[in-house]
Amino acid sequence: MTATVATGNLLYDESLARYTSWRAGGAAERLYVPASLDDLQQFLAGLPADEPLHFIGLGSNLLVRDGGVRGTVVLMHGALTALQTDKEFVYAEAGVTCAKLAKFAARQHRHGAEFMAGIPGTVGGALAMNAGCHGGETWEIVERVLTIDREGKLHERNHQAFATAYRHVEMPVADEWFVAAWFRLADGDAMEAEARIKQLLARRLATQPLNLPNAGSVFRNPPGDHAARLIEASGLKGYSIGGAQVSEKHANFIVNQGGATAKDIERLILHVQAAVKQQQGVDLQPEVRVIGEDGHE
């Protein structure tokens, strides 16, 4: 069932499996796709103050439990996609994919965002978790951000307002979400930047199981080590529960071999954590965010 609110679309009881890169999980009570930032402001201003609210981008760092999500989920990917540059900054809204931002910056002779081509998500998700790869992290190049609160009000905040660490960002105010950012990037050679992006994408294709639904790296790398090494050393490559499997190509990836439920994936995450703790003495911390209700067994 679909209804129109303002100029965006509000969908009821909408399966989130198609909006998450694991292609698993339950439905959202309500899914809103804003037509613009102004439209999103209008929509949020009309929500009850106690409405459960979630924002998702490409769903590439997200596990939605089989019982679904109560309240409203706002889909940013395909909605907030403004991308532009001026003499100082590259401006990107939260729904822009990281790969698109990297390629755009390169074409504009801006250097420093190439690593983002390897992040399988949106700018909003990268800001929320300080996503990174190939030696770069999102917040290293952030000058300032634009956030929105649950009343639909916008707030512009400098980098210094946020406490950031490896795969972690501490929000200075609760119930605010990223809707855009200004990135400070150095002048550079477009051909060199584009060549670097091609190199990183080729490496990603060679080392990651991109042929099967996955959510990127499942666990954070512990200090001085790699989660993939610890998982492989524990004999877990190829281990499966239901339709979920620890990738045989990259041990820090869990892939959906076909028909995996969110419960399969979550059980496998917990099994990997327990096995690595028992065999290697290391507590692996998940990168992925888990939301929603458990489904019926």
Protein backbone atom coordinates (compact mmCIF):
# COMPACT_ATOMS: atom_id res chain seq x y z
CA MET A 1 0.00 0.00 0.00
CA THR A 2 1.40 3.42 -0.95
CA ALA A 3 0.25 6.90 0.02
CA THR A 4 1.62 10.32 -0.78
CA VAL A 5 2.63 12.69 2.01
CA ALA A 6 3.85 16.13 0.95
CA THR A 7 5.87 15.31 -2.17
CA GLY A 8 7.59 12.19 -0.87
CA ASN A 9 6.24 8.65 -0.67
CA LEU A 10 5.05 6.87 2.44
CA LEU A 11 4.83 3.08 2.16
CA TYR A 12 3.18 0.82 4.74
CA ASP A 13 4.35 -2.64 5.82
CA GLU A 14 7.22 -2.41 3.33
CA SER A 15 9.77 -5.24 3.29
CA LEU A 16 13.24 -3.90 4.08
CA ALA A 17 15.01 -6.88 2.52
CA ARG A 18 15.13 -5.05 -0.83
CA TYR A 19 16.67 -2.00 0.86
CA THR A 20 19.48 -3.81 2.67
CA SER A 21 22.55 -5.30 1.05
CA TRP A 22 22.11 -8.64 2.88
CA ARG A 23 18.71 -8.97 1.16
CA ALA A 24 17.19 -10.29 4.37
CA GLY A 25 14.97 -9.06 7.16
CA GLY A 26 11.43 -7.99 7.97
CA ALA A 27 9.20 -5.07 7.07
CA ALA A 28 9.00 -1.49 8.25
CA GLU A 29 5.65 -0.37 9.62
CA ARG A 30 6.20 2.78 7.58
CA LEU A 31 8.93 3.61 5.07
CA TYR A 32 9.29 7.22 3.94
CA VAL A 33 11.19 8.29 0.84
CA PRO A 34 11.62 12.09 0.92
CA ALA A 35 11.55 14.07 -2.31
CA SER A 36 13.99 16.68 -1.01
CA LEU A 37 15.53 18.03 2.15
CA ASP A 38 12.69 20.53 2.52
CA ASP A 39 10.20 17.70 2.13
CA LEU A 40 11.98 15.66 4.81
CA GLN A 41 11.78 18.64 7.17
CA GLN A 42 8.03 18.90 6.57
CA PHE A 43 7.51 15.18 7.08
CA LEU A 44 9.44 15.00 10.35
CA ALA A 45 7.68 18.07 11.70
CA GLY A 46 4.38 16.20 11.37
CA LEU A 47 5.46 13.02 13.20
CA PRO A 48 4.40 12.32 16.80
CA ALA A 49 7.18 13.09 19.29
CA ASP A 50 7.31 9.46 20.44
CA GLU A 51 7.44 7.90 16.94
CA PRO A 52 10.30 5.37 16.65
CA LEU A 53 12.54 6.68 13.87
CA HIS A 54 15.36 5.13 11.86
CA PHE A 55 17.37 6.43 8.91
CA ILE A 56 18.96 4.11 6.35
CA GLY A 57 21.03 4.64 3.21
CA LEU A 58 22.11 1.67 1.12
CA GLY A 59 21.50 -0.65 4.05
CA SER A 60 25.05 -1.94 3.65
CA ASN A 61 25.96 -1.84 7.33
CA LEU A 62 22.60 -2.95 8.62
CA LEU A 63 20.81 -6.10 9.74
CA VAL A 64 17.03 -5.84 10.05
CA ARG A 65 15.60 -8.59 12.21
CA ASP A 66 12.90 -10.81 10.73
CA GLY A 67 10.13 -9.36 12.90
CA GLY A 68 10.55 -6.00 11.22
CA VAL A 69 10.83 -2.44 12.49
CA ARG A 70 8.22 -0.53 14.42
CA GLY A 71 7.68 3.13 13.63
CA THR A 72 9.08 4.94 10.62
CA VAL A 73 12.16 4.25 8.54
CA VAL A 74 13.46 7.10 6.36
CA LEU A 75 15.24 6.00 3.19
CA MET A 76 17.98 8.45 2.21
CA HIS A 77 19.48 6.68 -0.81
CA GLY A 78 17.89 7.86 -4.02
CA ALA A 79 16.34 10.79 -2.15
CA LEU A 80 18.93 13.24 -0.80
CA THR A 81 21.43 13.21 -3.67
CA ALA A 82 22.71 16.77 -4.11
CA LEU A 83 26.42 16.84 -4.96
CA GLN A 84 28.33 20.02 -5.80
CA THR A 85 31.63 21.82 -5.34
CA ASP A 86 32.97 25.31 -4.83
CA LYS A 87 36.44 26.74 -4.37
CA GLU A 88 36.75 25.35 -0.85
CA PHE A 89 34.57 22.30 -0.33
CA VAL A 90 32.75 19.41 -1.90
CA TYR A 91 29.16 19.29 -0.61
CA ALA A 92 27.26 16.00 -0.58
CA GLU A 93 23.86 15.09 0.80
CA ALA A 94 23.43 11.93 2.87
CA GLY A 95 21.90 9.83 0.10
CA VAL A 96 24.90 10.15 -2.22
CA THR A 97 26.88 6.93 -2.47
CA CYS A 98 30.46 7.07 -1.24
CA ALA A 99 31.69 5.78 -4.60
CA LYS A 100 29.88 8.57 -6.45
CA LEU A 101 31.38 11.17 -4.11
CA ALA A 102 34.88 9.79 -4.69
CA LYS A 103 34.52 9.83 -8.47
CA PHE A 104 32.93 13.30 -8.50
CA ALA A 105 35.71 14.75 -6.35
CA ALA A 106 38.35 13.22 -8.63
CA ARG A 107 36.74 14.75 -11.72
CA GLN A 108 36.74 18.11 -9.95
CA HIS A 109 40.52 17.83 -9.40
CA ARG A 110 40.07 17.25 -5.66
CA HIS A 111 42.35 14.81 -3.87
CA GLY A 112 41.76 12.86 -0.67
CA ALA A 113 38.38 11.14 -1.12
CA GLU A 114 39.60 8.29 -3.33
CA PHE A 115 39.40 5.74 -0.50
CA MET A 116 35.64 6.33 -0.26
CA ALA A 117 35.19 4.48 -3.55
CA GLY A 118 35.74 1.29 -1.54
CA ILE A 119 32.99 2.04 1.01
CA PRO A 120 29.76 0.25 0.00
CA GLY A 121 27.37 2.79 1.46
CA THR A 122 26.12 6.37 1.44
CA VAL A 123 27.59 9.57 2.80
CA GLY A 124 25.08 9.52 5.65
CA GLY A 125 26.10 6.04 6.74
CA ALA A 126 29.80 6.85 6.38
CA LEU A 127 29.35 9.90 8.61
CA ALA A 128 27.39 7.95 11.21
CA MET A 129 30.04 5.25 11.68
CA ASN A 130 33.21 7.00 10.52
CA ALA A 131 33.49 4.44 7.75
CA GLY A 132 36.86 3.88 6.17
CA CYS A 133 39.10 1.61 4.14
CA HIS A 134 42.50 1.58 2.48
CA GLY A 135 43.98 3.74 5.22
CA GLY A 136 41.40 6.53 5.09
CA GLU A 137 38.50 7.47 7.38
CA THR A 138 35.49 9.64 6.58
CA TRP A 139 35.91 12.16 9.35
CA GLU A 140 39.50 12.90 8.35
CA ILE A 141 38.12 14.93 5.43
CA VAL A 142 34.93 16.36 7.01
CA GLU A 143 34.88 20.13 7.54
CA ARG A 144 31.31 20.44 8.83
CA VAL A 145 27.98 18.65 8.64
CA LEU A 146 24.27 19.35 8.42
CA THR A 147 22.00 17.40 10.75
CA ILE A 148 18.25 17.21 11.17
CA ASP A 149 16.33 16.64 14.39
CA ARG A 150 13.04 14.82 14.83
CA GLU A 151 11.13 18.12 14.60
CA GLY A 152 12.60 18.72 11.15
CA LYS A 153 14.95 21.51 12.19
CA LEU A 154 18.38 21.72 10.54
CA HIS A 155 21.63 22.25 12.44
CA GLU A 156 25.03 23.05 10.95
CA ARG A 157 27.86 21.72 13.12
CA ASN A 158 31.64 21.86 12.77
CA HIS A 159 33.84 18.77 12.85
CA GLN A 160 35.00 19.73 16.35
CA ALA A 161 31.49 19.20 17.76
CA PHE A 162 31.85 15.43 17.25
CA ALA A 163 34.02 12.95 19.11
CA THR A 164 35.22 10.50 16.47
CA ALA A 165 37.25 7.32 16.68
CA TYR A 166 37.76 4.13 14.69
CA ARG A 167 34.32 3.20 13.31
CA HIS A 168 32.66 5.39 15.93
CA VAL A 169 31.07 8.82 16.04
CA GLU A 170 29.59 10.34 19.19
CA MET A 171 26.73 12.72 18.48
CA PRO A 172 26.75 15.90 20.57
CA VAL A 173 22.93 15.91 20.68
CA ALA A 174 20.57 12.93 20.78
CA ASP A 175 17.97 12.36 18.06
CA GLU A 176 19.80 14.08 15.24
CA TRP A 177 20.72 12.51 11.93
CA PHE A 178 23.19 13.46 9.21
CA VAL A 179 21.67 14.92 6.05
CA ALA A 180 24.74 16.47 4.37
CA ALA A 181 28.42 17.29 4.79
CA TRP A 182 31.08 19.62 3.46
CA PHE A 183 34.36 17.84 2.68
CA ARG A 184 37.67 19.67 2.63
CA LEU A 185 39.82 18.16 -0.12
CA ALA A 186 43.17 19.27 -1.50
CA ASP A 187 43.68 20.25 -5.11
CA GLY A 188 45.00 17.33 -7.14
CA ASP A 189 45.39 15.79 -10.53
CA ALA A 190 42.16 14.27 -11.85
CA MET A 191 43.87 11.49 -13.80
CA GLU A 192 45.94 10.42 -10.79
CA ALA A 193 42.87 10.40 -8.52
CA GLU A 194 40.80 8.42 -11.02
CA ALA A 195 43.64 5.92 -11.48
CA ARG A 196 43.82 5.47 -7.72
CA ILE A 197 40.07 4.82 -7.58
CA LYS A 198 40.32 2.21 -10.33
CA GLN A 199 43.14 0.52 -8.44
CA LEU A 200 41.14 0.43 -5.20
CA LEU A 201 38.02 -0.91 -6.93
CA ALA A 202 40.03 -3.63 -8.66
CA ARG A 203 41.51 -4.65 -5.31
CA ARG A 204 38.04 -4.74 -3.77
CA LEU A 205 36.73 -6.93 -6.58
CA ALA A 206 39.66 -9.32 -6.19
CA THR A 207 39.45 -9.69 -2.42
CA GLN A 208 35.77 -9.37 -1.50
CA PRO A 209 32.76 -11.61 -2.26
CA LEU A 210 30.86 -9.03 -4.28
CA ASN A 211 28.94 -11.71 -6.19
CA LEU A 212 26.77 -12.53 -3.16
CA PRO A 213 24.64 -10.30 -0.90
CA ASN A 214 26.76 -9.08 2.02
CA ALA A 215 27.06 -6.11 4.36
CA GLY A 216 30.74 -5.35 3.98
CA SER A 217 33.06 -6.01 6.90
CA VAL A 218 31.08 -7.50 9.77
CA PHE A 219 33.59 -6.90 12.58
CA ARG A 220 35.90 -4.07 13.51
CA ASN A 221 39.60 -4.83 13.32
CA PRO A 222 40.96 -5.14 16.87
CA PRO A 223 44.03 -3.04 17.70
CA GLY A 224 47.11 -4.42 15.94
CA ASP A 225 45.27 -7.23 14.20
CA HIS A 226 42.67 -8.05 11.57
CA ALA A 227 39.27 -9.60 12.21
CA ALA A 228 39.56 -11.66 9.03
CA ARG A 229 42.82 -13.24 10.20
CA LEU A 230 41.34 -14.14 13.59
CA ILE A 231 38.22 -15.65 12.03
CA GLU A 232 40.22 -17.68 9.52
CA ALA A 233 42.64 -18.83 12.23
CA SER A 234 39.62 -20.11 14.14
CA GLY A 235 38.71 -22.38 11.22
CA LEU A 236 35.51 -20.52 10.38
CA LYS A 237 35.96 -19.77 6.69
CA GLY A 238 33.03 -21.36 4.91
CA TYR A 239 31.12 -22.06 8.14
CA SER A 240 27.40 -21.62 7.63
CA ILE A 241 24.14 -21.43 9.53
CA GLY A 242 21.08 -21.75 7.34
CA GLY A 243 21.63 -19.63 4.26
CA ALA A 244 24.30 -17.46 5.89
CA GLN A 245 27.98 -18.29 5.42
CA VAL A 246 31.34 -16.91 6.48
CA SER A 247 32.76 -16.04 3.09
CA GLU A 248 35.42 -18.34 1.72
CA LYS A 249 36.92 -15.35 -0.09
CA HIS A 250 37.15 -12.93 2.85
CA ALA A 251 36.55 -14.21 6.39
CA ASN A 252 35.28 -10.86 7.72
CA PHE A 253 32.32 -11.04 5.34
CA ILE A 254 29.11 -12.98 5.92
CA VAL A 255 27.26 -13.72 2.69
CA ASN A 256 23.69 -14.67 1.93
CA GLN A 257 23.98 -17.82 -0.16
CA GLY A 258 20.28 -17.67 -0.94
CA GLY A 259 17.31 -17.62 1.37
CA ALA A 260 19.21 -16.58 4.49
CA THR A 261 17.04 -15.10 7.22
CA ALA A 262 18.19 -12.28 9.47
CA LYS A 263 18.14 -14.85 12.29
CA ASP A 264 20.61 -17.03 10.33
CA ILE A 265 22.94 -14.06 9.93
CA GLU A 266 22.66 -12.93 13.54
CA ARG A 267 23.28 -16.45 14.85
CA LEU A 268 26.35 -16.71 12.65
CA ILE A 269 27.67 -13.37 13.94
CA LEU A 270 27.26 -14.58 17.52
CA HIS A 271 28.87 -17.94 16.70
CA VAL A 272 31.91 -16.25 15.16
CA GLN A 273 32.27 -13.98 18.18
CA ALA A 274 32.10 -16.93 20.59
CA ALA A 275 34.54 -19.07 18.59
CA VAL A 276 37.13 -16.31 18.19
CA LYS A 277 36.86 -15.47 21.89
CA GLN A 278 37.35 -19.11 22.84
CA GLN A 279 40.17 -19.88 20.42
CA GLN A 280 41.97 -16.54 20.08
CA GLY A 281 41.03 -14.75 23.29
CA VAL A 282 39.77 -11.71 21.39
CA ASP A 283 36.37 -10.05 21.68
CA LEU A 284 35.33 -9.09 18.15
CA GLN A 285 33.06 -6.06 17.98
CA PRO A 286 30.53 -5.91 15.15
CA GLU A 287 30.52 -2.99 12.74
CA VAL A 288 27.01 -3.77 11.57
CA ARG A 289 24.00 -2.19 13.23
CA VAL A 290 21.10 -4.48 14.19
CA ILE A 291 17.56 -3.09 14.40
CA GLY A 292 14.05 -4.47 14.64
CA GLU A 293 12.14 -7.21 16.38
CA ASP A 294 12.82 -10.93 16.48
CA GLY A 295 10.57 -12.97 14.20
CA HIS A 296 8.62 -16.03 15.27
CA GLU A 297 10.63 -19.23 15.39
